[in-house]
């Protein structure tokens, strides 16, 4: 197997010991057909040179990678599911397969699975993933990455040749195994499990591992545990801001679906907003709207409070409470920063200026006016970001099919504020890009997903999926607001 010098195995999670995971065996699948192979992601961990046969060996049959975990590990955790505590969780259809360092940095990345077979935590489930579920996760991660959201990356999708029975899909339906590349699988629920079991020594062990591995800068603080929680809170606030600017609804923000690094992952009933609607939900079973678009920041804050409870034996309660009290203000700031970035408007990066609120008052006022106009007039969500690229340029507004709407009084304050904002360095290139010249923005609405899936289901035709991924990747520098330095 050709392994480049960029491949640097670092199987650290196993050092935590058997209280944290269960060694498991992957399922023996009857078939292995590569349906998605993310060579861009593979390049970042030194695995892009694998042949297709080698790819199947490692990501279809899960033979260990050189120098990595000798056997997969099903991770143990608990969690609040729709705010009801569930002690019967854990990796029920997935496992941690490998860990390695990212090329060009020391960042630790995990390769983990979804649909790889039963584990001790499967309960009565079959441990499998539908092919449609895998396709949906590929689409979600590609779109989120393109919009500048920190997300796990769909690394591999292999069809496995089984027929699955599901209540939410026409059955029997096709099966697959997904491998994702992520920055950490230490969930809030990983801490909750040891708190519920009254095992403070294991909470301390997980704390030390998390600080050393993911937040080494806090290790020298006078109170590293409080500093760790401060850092986690900041990452979660940033994630909430990125989701909001993207118009993304995760759907299931249980404490086992949030990781300490603030990276979005585990996509089930996700949706993108058709229009700005705080009550919009993604999951048909979310009948109370607990995880609606407009309540996602609240859900993240609630989850942070559950993590704080686990840390009480190791730091002062007032330090934890202070971080929780700051969360909504910081998350609101992050919404403004992410929105401005996506619009190619200047984002203040000087920490001292942020601390004194120098940029935040203007940016947040513009955001309030923008979202207020969107809520009042209900235009297509992504169309607004496309039209307002570079700060409400009159020529772009006049060329938009929404031109009459932008002349509405409801838009006057928002457009005036955006025109006063300073363009980012990427703005002129964005306005001259092929993406800006399109008739419409790239979107990922549920009808589009169904249209991509239909030819796969009926004719095994994957061209629509391949074309959509290519379209998303071409648009990424301009959708994210990061400009041409964004990975192509």
Protein backbone atom coordinates (compact mmCIF):
# COMPACT_ATOMS: atom_id res chain seq x y z
CA UNK A 1 0.00 0.00 0.00
CA UNK A 2 1.48 3.37 -0.95
CA UNK A 3 1.53 5.71 2.02
CA UNK A 4 2.80 9.24 1.58
CA UNK A 5 4.91 11.07 4.10
CA UNK A 6 1.78 13.11 4.90
CA UNK A 7 0.21 10.05 6.57
CA UNK A 8 1.00 10.34 10.28
CA UNK A 9 -0.93 7.84 12.39
CA UNK A 10 -1.73 8.98 15.93
CA UNK A 11 -4.10 6.49 17.61
CA UNK A 12 -4.44 8.45 20.84
CA UNK A 13 -7.97 7.59 21.96
CA UNK A 14 -6.99 4.05 22.89
CA UNK A 15 -4.74 5.50 25.63
CA UNK A 16 -7.84 6.44 27.63
CA UNK A 17 -8.42 2.79 28.45
CA UNK A 18 -11.28 0.28 28.33
CA UNK A 19 -13.73 2.38 30.36
CA UNK A 20 -14.12 4.65 27.33
CA UNK A 21 -14.81 2.20 24.49
CA UNK A 22 -15.45 -1.37 23.39
CA UNK A 23 -13.32 -3.10 20.75
CA UNK A 24 -15.63 -4.36 18.00
CA UNK A 25 -15.60 -6.18 14.68
CA UNK A 26 -16.99 -4.59 11.52
CA UNK A 27 -19.84 -6.26 9.69
CA UNK A 28 -19.00 -8.64 6.85
CA UNK A 29 -20.82 -7.07 3.93
CA UNK A 30 -21.79 -9.08 0.84
CA UNK A 31 -20.59 -6.39 -1.58
CA UNK A 32 -18.40 -3.27 -1.73
CA UNK A 33 -18.99 -0.66 -4.43
CA UNK A 34 -17.37 2.76 -4.06
CA UNK A 35 -20.02 5.43 -4.51
CA UNK A 36 -18.11 8.45 -3.17
CA UNK A 37 -14.41 8.79 -2.57
CA UNK A 38 -13.24 12.14 -1.19
CA UNK A 39 -9.70 12.42 -2.48
CA UNK A 40 -9.52 16.08 -1.39
CA UNK A 41 -10.04 14.97 2.21
CA UNK A 42 -7.77 11.96 1.75
CA UNK A 43 -4.99 14.26 0.60
CA UNK A 44 -5.08 16.06 3.95
CA UNK A 45 -4.25 12.83 5.82
CA UNK A 46 -1.91 11.22 3.31
CA UNK A 47 -4.32 8.58 1.96
CA UNK A 48 -5.11 9.90 -1.51
CA UNK A 49 -2.74 7.44 -3.21
CA UNK A 50 -4.74 4.37 -2.23
CA UNK A 51 -5.98 2.29 -5.13
CA UNK A 52 -9.70 1.55 -5.26
CA UNK A 53 -9.01 -2.02 -4.09
CA UNK A 54 -7.03 -0.71 -1.12
CA UNK A 55 -9.75 1.86 -0.42
CA UNK A 56 -12.33 -0.94 -0.21
CA UNK A 57 -10.08 -3.01 2.05
CA UNK A 58 -9.81 -0.15 4.54
CA UNK A 59 -13.17 1.59 4.21
CA UNK A 60 -15.40 -1.31 3.16
CA UNK A 61 -13.89 -4.17 5.15
CA UNK A 62 -12.02 -1.98 7.65
CA UNK A 63 -8.67 -3.67 7.66
CA UNK A 64 -6.49 -1.54 10.00
CA UNK A 65 -4.39 1.24 8.52
CA UNK A 66 -0.63 0.93 9.11
CA UNK A 67 0.44 2.01 12.58
CA UNK A 68 -3.12 2.82 13.58
CA UNK A 69 -5.78 1.29 15.78
CA UNK A 70 -5.46 -2.52 15.55
CA UNK A 71 -9.25 -2.90 15.94
CA UNK A 72 -12.18 -0.49 15.75
CA UNK A 73 -13.47 1.11 18.96
CA UNK A 74 -17.17 1.69 19.67
CA UNK A 75 -17.17 4.74 21.92
CA UNK A 76 -19.19 4.90 25.12
CA UNK A 77 -21.35 7.91 26.02
CA UNK A 78 -24.72 8.94 27.38
CA UNK A 79 -26.81 11.94 26.45
CA UNK A 80 -29.96 14.01 26.71
CA UNK A 81 -32.23 13.20 23.79
CA UNK A 82 -34.84 15.94 23.40
CA UNK A 83 -33.88 16.86 26.98
CA UNK A 84 -34.65 13.40 28.38
CA UNK A 85 -31.60 11.64 29.78
CA UNK A 86 -30.73 8.36 28.09
CA UNK A 87 -28.06 6.12 29.67
CA UNK A 88 -28.39 3.49 26.93
CA UNK A 89 -26.41 5.25 24.22
CA UNK A 90 -23.00 4.71 22.66
CA UNK A 91 -21.77 3.95 19.14
CA UNK A 92 -24.57 1.66 17.99
CA UNK A 93 -23.81 1.56 14.27
CA UNK A 94 -20.37 3.07 14.05
CA UNK A 95 -16.90 3.06 15.54
CA UNK A 96 -13.65 4.96 15.67
CA UNK A 97 -11.49 3.40 12.97
CA UNK A 98 -8.29 5.46 12.92
CA UNK A 99 -6.67 8.70 14.07
CA UNK A 100 -3.99 10.71 12.29
CA UNK A 101 -2.45 14.16 12.07
CA UNK A 102 -3.58 16.60 9.45
CA UNK A 103 -1.02 17.43 6.79
CA UNK A 104 0.70 20.71 7.55
CA UNK A 105 -0.48 20.88 11.15
CA UNK A 106 -0.64 18.85 14.35
CA UNK A 107 -4.45 18.80 14.38
CA UNK A 108 -5.72 15.33 15.30
CA UNK A 109 -8.35 13.93 12.94
CA UNK A 110 -10.55 10.87 13.35
CA UNK A 111 -11.83 8.44 10.78
CA UNK A 112 -15.10 7.03 12.09
CA UNK A 113 -17.99 5.15 10.58
CA UNK A 114 -21.74 5.07 10.20
CA UNK A 115 -23.47 1.85 9.23
CA UNK A 116 -20.52 -0.46 9.93
CA UNK A 117 -22.46 -3.08 11.89
CA UNK A 118 -23.75 -3.91 15.33
CA UNK A 119 -21.90 -3.08 18.54
CA UNK A 120 -22.68 -3.62 22.25
CA UNK A 121 -24.66 -0.34 22.04
CA UNK A 122 -26.89 -1.27 19.09
CA UNK A 123 -29.74 -2.44 21.30
CA UNK A 124 -32.33 -3.88 18.86
CA UNK A 125 -31.06 -1.99 15.80
CA UNK A 126 -29.26 -3.62 12.86
CA UNK A 127 -26.26 -1.29 12.89
CA UNK A 128 -26.70 -0.44 9.23
CA UNK A 129 -27.06 2.75 7.17
CA UNK A 130 -29.28 3.19 4.14
CA UNK A 131 -27.62 4.27 0.93
CA UNK A 132 -29.97 7.26 0.79
CA UNK A 133 -28.89 8.25 4.30
CA UNK A 134 -25.27 8.11 3.16
CA UNK A 135 -25.97 10.20 0.07
CA UNK A 136 -27.76 12.77 2.23
CA UNK A 137 -24.75 13.03 4.55
CA UNK A 138 -22.38 13.50 1.61
CA UNK A 139 -24.57 16.34 0.34
CA UNK A 140 -24.89 17.96 3.77
CA UNK A 141 -21.16 17.97 4.49
CA UNK A 142 -20.19 19.19 1.02
CA UNK A 143 -22.67 22.07 1.22
CA UNK A 144 -21.75 23.07 4.78
CA UNK A 145 -18.04 23.04 4.00
CA UNK A 146 -18.70 25.21 0.95
CA UNK A 147 -20.62 27.71 3.10
CA UNK A 148 -17.74 28.03 5.56
CA UNK A 149 -19.23 25.90 8.35
CA UNK A 150 -16.80 23.75 10.31
CA UNK A 151 -18.09 20.27 9.64
CA UNK A 152 -17.06 16.66 9.51
CA UNK A 153 -16.19 15.63 5.96
CA UNK A 154 -17.73 12.66 4.22
CA UNK A 155 -14.63 10.64 3.41
CA UNK A 156 -16.02 7.49 1.82
CA UNK A 157 -19.39 6.00 0.90
CA UNK A 158 -19.46 2.34 -0.11
CA UNK A 159 -22.60 0.46 -1.09
CA UNK A 160 -22.69 -2.86 0.75
CA UNK A 161 -25.27 -5.02 -1.04
CA UNK A 162 -27.83 -5.57 1.71
CA UNK A 163 -31.57 -4.89 1.66
CA UNK A 164 -32.75 -2.92 4.69
CA UNK A 165 -36.22 -2.42 6.13
CA UNK A 166 -36.96 1.12 7.29
CA UNK A 167 -40.14 2.91 8.29
CA UNK A 168 -39.09 6.28 6.84
CA UNK A 169 -37.99 5.01 3.40
CA UNK A 170 -39.64 2.77 0.80
CA UNK A 171 -38.33 -0.68 1.73
CA UNK A 172 -36.45 -2.83 1.14
CA UNK A 173 -33.84 -0.14 0.54
CA UNK A 174 -30.17 -0.26 -0.35
CA UNK A 175 -27.40 -0.27 2.28
CA UNK A 176 -24.08 1.54 2.63
CA UNK A 177 -21.26 2.26 5.03
CA UNK A 178 -20.03 5.84 5.47
CA UNK A 179 -16.63 6.91 6.76
CA UNK A 180 -16.29 10.49 7.99
CA UNK A 181 -13.21 12.59 8.75
CA UNK A 182 -13.70 14.65 11.92
CA UNK A 183 -11.86 16.74 14.46
CA UNK A 184 -12.77 14.86 17.68
CA UNK A 185 -15.53 12.51 18.73
CA UNK A 186 -15.44 13.60 22.37
CA UNK A 187 -19.09 14.42 22.90
CA UNK A 188 -20.72 16.31 25.73
CA UNK A 189 -22.34 12.94 26.42
CA UNK A 190 -18.89 11.38 26.88
CA UNK A 191 -18.54 13.47 30.05
CA UNK A 192 -22.16 12.91 31.05
CA UNK A 193 -21.70 9.16 31.13
CA UNK A 194 -19.04 9.30 33.83
CA UNK A 195 -20.98 11.90 35.80
CA UNK A 196 -24.02 9.63 35.80
CA UNK A 197 -21.89 6.64 36.83
CA UNK A 198 -20.25 8.74 39.59
CA UNK A 199 -16.76 8.14 38.21
CA UNK A 200 -14.99 11.48 38.75
CA UNK A 201 -11.61 9.91 38.09
CA UNK A 202 -12.67 9.15 34.53
CA UNK A 203 -14.08 12.64 34.04
CA UNK A 204 -10.68 13.94 35.14
CA UNK A 205 -8.95 11.56 32.75
CA UNK A 206 -11.15 12.69 29.86
CA UNK A 207 -10.57 16.33 30.81
CA UNK A 208 -6.80 15.91 30.79
CA UNK A 209 -6.93 14.09 27.45
CA UNK A 210 -9.20 16.74 25.92
CA UNK A 211 -7.04 19.63 27.09
CA UNK A 212 -3.81 18.03 25.94
CA UNK A 213 -5.24 16.90 22.60
CA UNK A 214 -7.62 19.67 21.56
CA UNK A 215 -7.00 22.73 23.76
CA UNK A 216 -3.32 22.66 24.76
CA UNK A 217 -3.21 26.45 25.11
CA UNK A 218 -5.33 26.30 28.28
CA UNK A 219 -3.03 23.86 30.09
CA UNK A 220 -0.92 26.63 31.64
CA UNK A 221 -3.90 28.68 32.86
CA UNK A 222 -4.35 29.11 36.62
CA UNK A 223 -7.62 27.16 36.30
CA UNK A 224 -7.25 24.98 33.22
CA UNK A 225 -10.66 23.33 33.65
CA UNK A 226 -12.48 26.66 33.65
CA UNK A 227 -10.32 27.78 30.73
CA UNK A 228 -11.20 24.57 28.91
CA UNK A 229 -14.91 25.29 29.36
CA UNK A 230 -14.39 28.87 28.17
CA UNK A 231 -12.71 27.53 25.04
CA UNK A 232 -15.44 24.97 24.37
CA UNK A 233 -18.11 27.63 24.87
CA UNK A 234 -16.38 29.86 22.30
CA UNK A 235 -16.24 27.03 19.75
CA UNK A 236 -19.91 26.18 20.23
CA UNK A 237 -20.88 29.85 19.89
CA UNK A 238 -18.96 30.01 16.63
CA UNK A 239 -20.70 26.88 15.34
CA UNK A 240 -24.10 28.36 16.14
CA UNK A 241 -23.17 31.50 14.26
CA UNK A 242 -22.03 29.54 11.21
CA UNK A 243 -25.21 27.44 11.13
CA UNK A 244 -27.36 30.56 11.34
CA UNK A 245 -25.55 32.35 8.53
CA UNK A 246 -25.84 29.23 6.39
CA UNK A 247 -29.56 28.87 7.09
CA UNK A 248 -28.91 25.32 8.28
CA UNK A 249 -31.08 23.29 10.64
CA UNK A 250 -29.28 20.29 12.16
CA UNK A 251 -32.46 18.68 13.42
CA UNK A 252 -31.27 16.66 16.42
CA UNK A 253 -29.16 18.71 18.83
CA UNK A 254 -28.96 16.13 21.59
CA UNK A 255 -25.94 16.28 23.89
CA UNK A 256 -24.43 13.21 22.22
CA UNK A 257 -24.51 15.07 18.89
CA UNK A 258 -22.32 17.98 20.04
CA UNK A 259 -18.54 17.61 20.33
CA UNK A 260 -16.16 19.74 22.39
CA UNK A 261 -14.32 21.10 19.34
CA UNK A 262 -17.50 22.71 18.01
CA UNK A 263 -17.44 20.83 14.73
CA UNK A 264 -20.80 19.98 13.18
CA UNK A 265 -21.35 16.27 12.59
CA UNK A 266 -23.83 13.37 12.47
CA UNK A 267 -26.43 14.39 9.90
CA UNK A 268 -29.86 12.80 10.04
CA UNK A 269 -33.01 14.86 9.34
CA UNK A 270 -31.16 18.06 8.36
CA UNK A 271 -32.66 20.83 6.24
CA UNK A 272 -31.70 24.20 4.78
CA UNK A 273 -34.18 27.04 5.19
CA UNK A 274 -36.32 27.81 2.15
CA UNK A 275 -36.99 31.24 3.71
CA UNK A 276 -36.03 32.89 6.99
CA UNK A 277 -38.36 31.16 9.45
CA UNK A 278 -37.33 30.78 13.11
CA UNK A 279 -39.97 28.06 13.61
CA UNK A 280 -38.70 25.86 10.76
CA UNK A 281 -37.84 22.33 11.92
CA UNK A 282 -35.91 19.56 10.19
CA UNK A 283 -37.13 16.43 11.97
CA UNK A 284 -40.70 15.23 11.48
CA UNK A 285 -40.58 13.85 15.03
CA UNK A 286 -39.65 17.24 16.54
CA UNK A 287 -43.30 18.00 17.19
CA UNK A 288 -42.67 20.78 19.73
CA UNK A 289 -40.04 22.56 17.62
CA UNK A 290 -37.37 22.10 20.30
CA UNK A 291 -34.61 22.13 17.68
CA UNK A 292 -36.19 24.61 15.25
CA UNK A 293 -33.91 27.01 13.39
CA UNK A 294 -34.61 29.89 15.76
CA UNK A 295 -33.98 27.72 18.84
CA UNK A 296 -30.64 26.20 17.86
CA UNK A 297 -28.58 28.70 19.85
CA UNK A 298 -30.80 28.03 22.86
CA UNK A 299 -30.28 24.28 22.39
CA UNK A 300 -26.51 24.71 22.22
CA UNK A 301 -26.55 26.85 25.36
CA UNK A 302 -28.65 24.25 27.19
CA UNK A 303 -26.21 21.53 26.14
CA UNK A 304 -23.29 23.61 27.40
CA UNK A 305 -24.97 23.81 30.80
CA UNK A 306 -25.10 20.02 30.90
CA UNK A 307 -21.37 19.86 30.18
CA UNK A 308 -20.74 22.45 32.90
CA UNK A 309 -22.54 20.21 35.41
CA UNK A 310 -20.02 17.46 34.72
CA UNK A 311 -17.11 19.81 35.47
CA UNK A 312 -18.38 21.12 38.82
CA UNK A 313 -16.08 18.89 40.93
CA UNK A 314 -13.00 20.35 39.23
CA UNK A 315 -13.48 24.12 39.14
CA UNK A 316 -15.44 27.00 40.62
CA UNK A 317 -19.12 27.21 39.77
CA UNK A 318 -18.92 30.98 39.25
CA UNK A 319 -16.33 30.50 36.46
CA UNK A 320 -18.60 28.06 34.67
CA UNK A 321 -21.64 30.26 35.18
CA UNK A 322 -19.80 33.29 33.83
CA UNK A 323 -19.03 31.43 30.60
CA UNK A 324 -22.65 30.31 30.29
CA UNK A 325 -23.83 33.87 30.88
CA UNK A 326 -21.64 35.05 28.00
CA UNK A 327 -22.78 32.42 25.56
CA UNK A 328 -25.76 34.12 23.94
CA UNK A 329 -23.94 37.42 23.53
CA UNK A 330 -20.96 35.66 21.96
CA UNK A 331 -23.18 33.49 19.78
CA UNK A 332 -25.06 36.57 18.54
CA UNK A 333 -21.71 38.17 17.71
CA UNK A 334 -20.68 35.04 15.84
CA UNK A 335 -23.90 35.14 13.81
CA UNK A 336 -23.00 38.69 12.74
CA UNK A 337 -19.40 37.73 11.94
CA UNK A 338 -20.44 34.68 9.90
CA UNK A 339 -23.12 36.62 8.05
CA UNK A 340 -20.70 39.41 7.15
CA UNK A 341 -18.10 36.90 6.02
CA UNK A 342 -20.57 35.17 3.71
CA UNK A 343 -21.54 38.56 2.25
CA UNK A 344 -17.86 39.41 1.64
CA UNK A 345 -18.02 42.29 4.08
CA UNK A 346 -15.13 43.10 6.37
CA UNK A 347 -15.02 41.12 9.58
CA UNK A 348 -13.11 42.72 12.44
CA UNK A 349 -10.41 40.30 13.57
CA UNK A 350 -8.60 42.38 16.16
CA UNK A 351 -9.32 40.79 19.54
CA UNK A 352 -9.05 44.08 21.44
CA UNK A 353 -11.60 45.69 19.12
CA UNK A 354 -13.95 42.76 19.57
CA UNK A 355 -13.58 42.93 23.35
CA UNK A 356 -14.56 46.58 23.48
CA UNK A 357 -17.41 45.98 20.99
CA UNK A 358 -16.05 48.41 18.42
CA UNK A 359 -17.23 46.46 15.41
CA UNK A 360 -19.97 44.47 17.03
CA UNK A 361 -22.55 47.22 17.49
CA UNK A 362 -22.60 48.11 13.81
CA UNK A 363 -22.35 44.52 12.59
CA UNK A 364 -25.07 43.25 14.88
CA UNK A 365 -27.34 46.18 14.02
CA UNK A 366 -26.91 45.35 10.33
CA UNK A 367 -27.67 41.73 11.06
CA UNK A 368 -30.80 42.59 12.99
CA UNK A 369 -32.05 44.74 10.14
CA UNK A 370 -31.18 42.09 7.53
CA UNK A 371 -32.90 39.21 9.29
CA UNK A 372 -35.84 41.44 10.15
CA UNK A 373 -36.34 42.26 6.47
CA UNK A 374 -35.99 38.59 5.52
CA UNK A 375 -38.54 37.55 8.10
CA UNK A 376 -41.00 40.26 7.07
CA UNK A 377 -40.85 39.58 3.33
CA UNK A 378 -39.89 35.86 3.16
CA UNK A 379 -37.52 35.79 0.16
CA UNK A 380 -35.56 32.61 -0.64
CA UNK A 381 -32.84 32.46 2.03
CA UNK A 382 -29.77 31.70 -0.07
CA UNK A 383 -30.93 34.05 -2.84
CA UNK A 384 -30.55 36.98 -0.44
CA UNK A 385 -26.91 36.12 0.32
CA UNK A 386 -26.29 35.74 -3.41
CA UNK A 387 -27.89 39.09 -4.30
CA UNK A 388 -26.26 41.03 -1.45
CA UNK A 389 -22.75 39.77 -2.12
CA UNK A 390 -20.35 42.65 -1.61
CA UNK A 391 -22.86 44.79 0.26
CA UNK A 392 -26.16 45.48 -1.52
CA UNK A 393 -24.69 46.71 -4.80
CA UNK A 394 -27.47 48.43 -6.79
CA UNK A 395 -26.57 46.62 -10.03
CA UNK A 396 -26.92 43.19 -8.41
CA UNK A 397 -30.22 44.09 -6.79
CA UNK A 398 -31.60 45.44 -10.07
CA UNK A 399 -30.62 42.23 -11.90
CA UNK A 400 -32.28 39.96 -9.32
CA UNK A 401 -35.77 38.50 -9.76
CA UNK A 402 -36.34 39.90 -6.26
CA UNK A 403 -35.68 43.48 -7.40
CA UNK A 404 -39.25 44.65 -6.64
CA UNK A 405 -39.01 43.19 -3.14
CA UNK A 406 -35.75 45.03 -2.40
CA UNK A 407 -37.56 48.29 -3.13
CA UNK A 408 -40.03 47.51 -0.35
CA UNK A 409 -39.88 49.77 2.70
CA UNK A 410 -39.11 46.72 4.86
CA UNK A 411 -35.70 46.54 3.17
CA UNK A 412 -34.67 50.19 3.40
CA UNK A 413 -32.78 50.00 6.71
CA UNK A 414 -31.08 46.70 5.92
CA UNK A 415 -29.81 47.80 2.51
CA UNK A 416 -28.63 51.18 3.78
CA UNK A 417 -26.65 49.49 6.55
CA UNK A 418 -25.04 46.97 4.22
CA UNK A 419 -23.98 49.71 1.82
CA UNK A 420 -22.22 51.47 4.68
CA UNK A 421 -20.26 48.32 5.60
CA UNK A 422 -16.68 48.04 4.39
CA UNK A 423 -16.19 45.35 1.72
CA UNK A 424 -13.81 42.51 2.52
CA UNK A 425 -10.65 41.96 0.48
CA UNK A 426 -12.48 39.14 -1.29
CA UNK A 427 -15.43 41.28 -2.42
CA UNK A 428 -14.27 42.43 -5.85
CA UNK A 429 -13.03 38.97 -6.83
CA UNK A 430 -16.34 37.51 -5.63
CA UNK A 431 -18.34 39.94 -7.74
CA UNK A 432 -16.23 39.09 -10.80
CA UNK A 433 -16.37 35.34 -10.24
CA UNK A 434 -18.24 32.85 -12.39
CA UNK A 435 -20.43 32.18 -9.37
CA UNK A 436 -21.61 35.80 -9.19
CA UNK A 437 -22.58 35.67 -12.87
CA UNK A 438 -24.93 32.72 -12.39
CA UNK A 439 -28.65 33.24 -12.72
CA UNK A 440 -29.25 31.71 -9.28
CA UNK A 441 -27.24 30.59 -6.24
CA UNK A 442 -26.31 27.04 -5.36
CA UNK A 443 -28.86 25.67 -2.89
CA UNK A 444 -29.59 22.42 -1.07
CA UNK A 445 -33.32 22.26 -0.46
CA UNK A 446 -35.15 19.04 0.23
CA UNK A 447 -36.73 18.83 -3.24
CA UNK A 448 -33.27 19.02 -4.78
CA UNK A 449 -32.06 16.17 -2.60
CA UNK A 450 -34.99 14.03 -3.66
CA UNK A 451 -34.32 14.87 -7.31
CA UNK A 452 -30.69 13.74 -6.89
CA UNK A 453 -31.75 10.51 -5.18
CA UNK A 454 -34.49 9.53 -7.66
CA UNK A 455 -32.22 8.51 -10.58
CA UNK A 456 -29.96 6.62 -8.18
CA UNK A 457 -32.91 4.66 -6.80
CA UNK A 458 -34.55 4.02 -10.17
CA UNK A 459 -31.65 3.62 -12.62
CA UNK A 460 -28.47 3.54 -10.54
CA UNK A 461 -27.62 6.83 -12.23
CA UNK A 462 -25.13 8.86 -10.16
CA UNK A 463 -24.55 11.72 -12.59
CA UNK A 464 -26.85 14.16 -10.75
CA UNK A 465 -24.99 13.62 -7.48
CA UNK A 466 -21.61 14.00 -9.15
CA UNK A 467 -22.74 17.18 -10.90
CA UNK A 468 -24.09 18.65 -7.67
CA UNK A 469 -20.85 18.01 -5.80
CA UNK A 470 -18.87 19.63 -8.62
CA UNK A 471 -21.22 22.63 -8.59
CA UNK A 472 -20.91 23.04 -4.82
CA UNK A 473 -17.12 22.81 -4.87
CA UNK A 474 -16.82 25.37 -7.66
CA UNK A 475 -18.99 27.80 -5.68
CA UNK A 476 -17.26 27.20 -2.33
CA UNK A 477 -14.80 30.13 -2.30
CA UNK A 478 -17.63 32.59 -2.88
CA UNK A 479 -20.37 30.96 -0.82
CA UNK A 480 -18.10 30.76 2.21
CA UNK A 481 -16.82 34.31 1.85
CA UNK A 482 -13.23 33.12 2.18
CA UNK A 483 -12.28 33.78 -1.41
CA UNK A 484 -10.01 31.79 -3.73
CA UNK A 485 -7.82 30.53 -0.91
CA UNK A 486 -10.69 28.20 -0.01
CA UNK A 487 -9.89 24.59 -1.10
CA UNK A 488 -11.02 24.03 -4.67
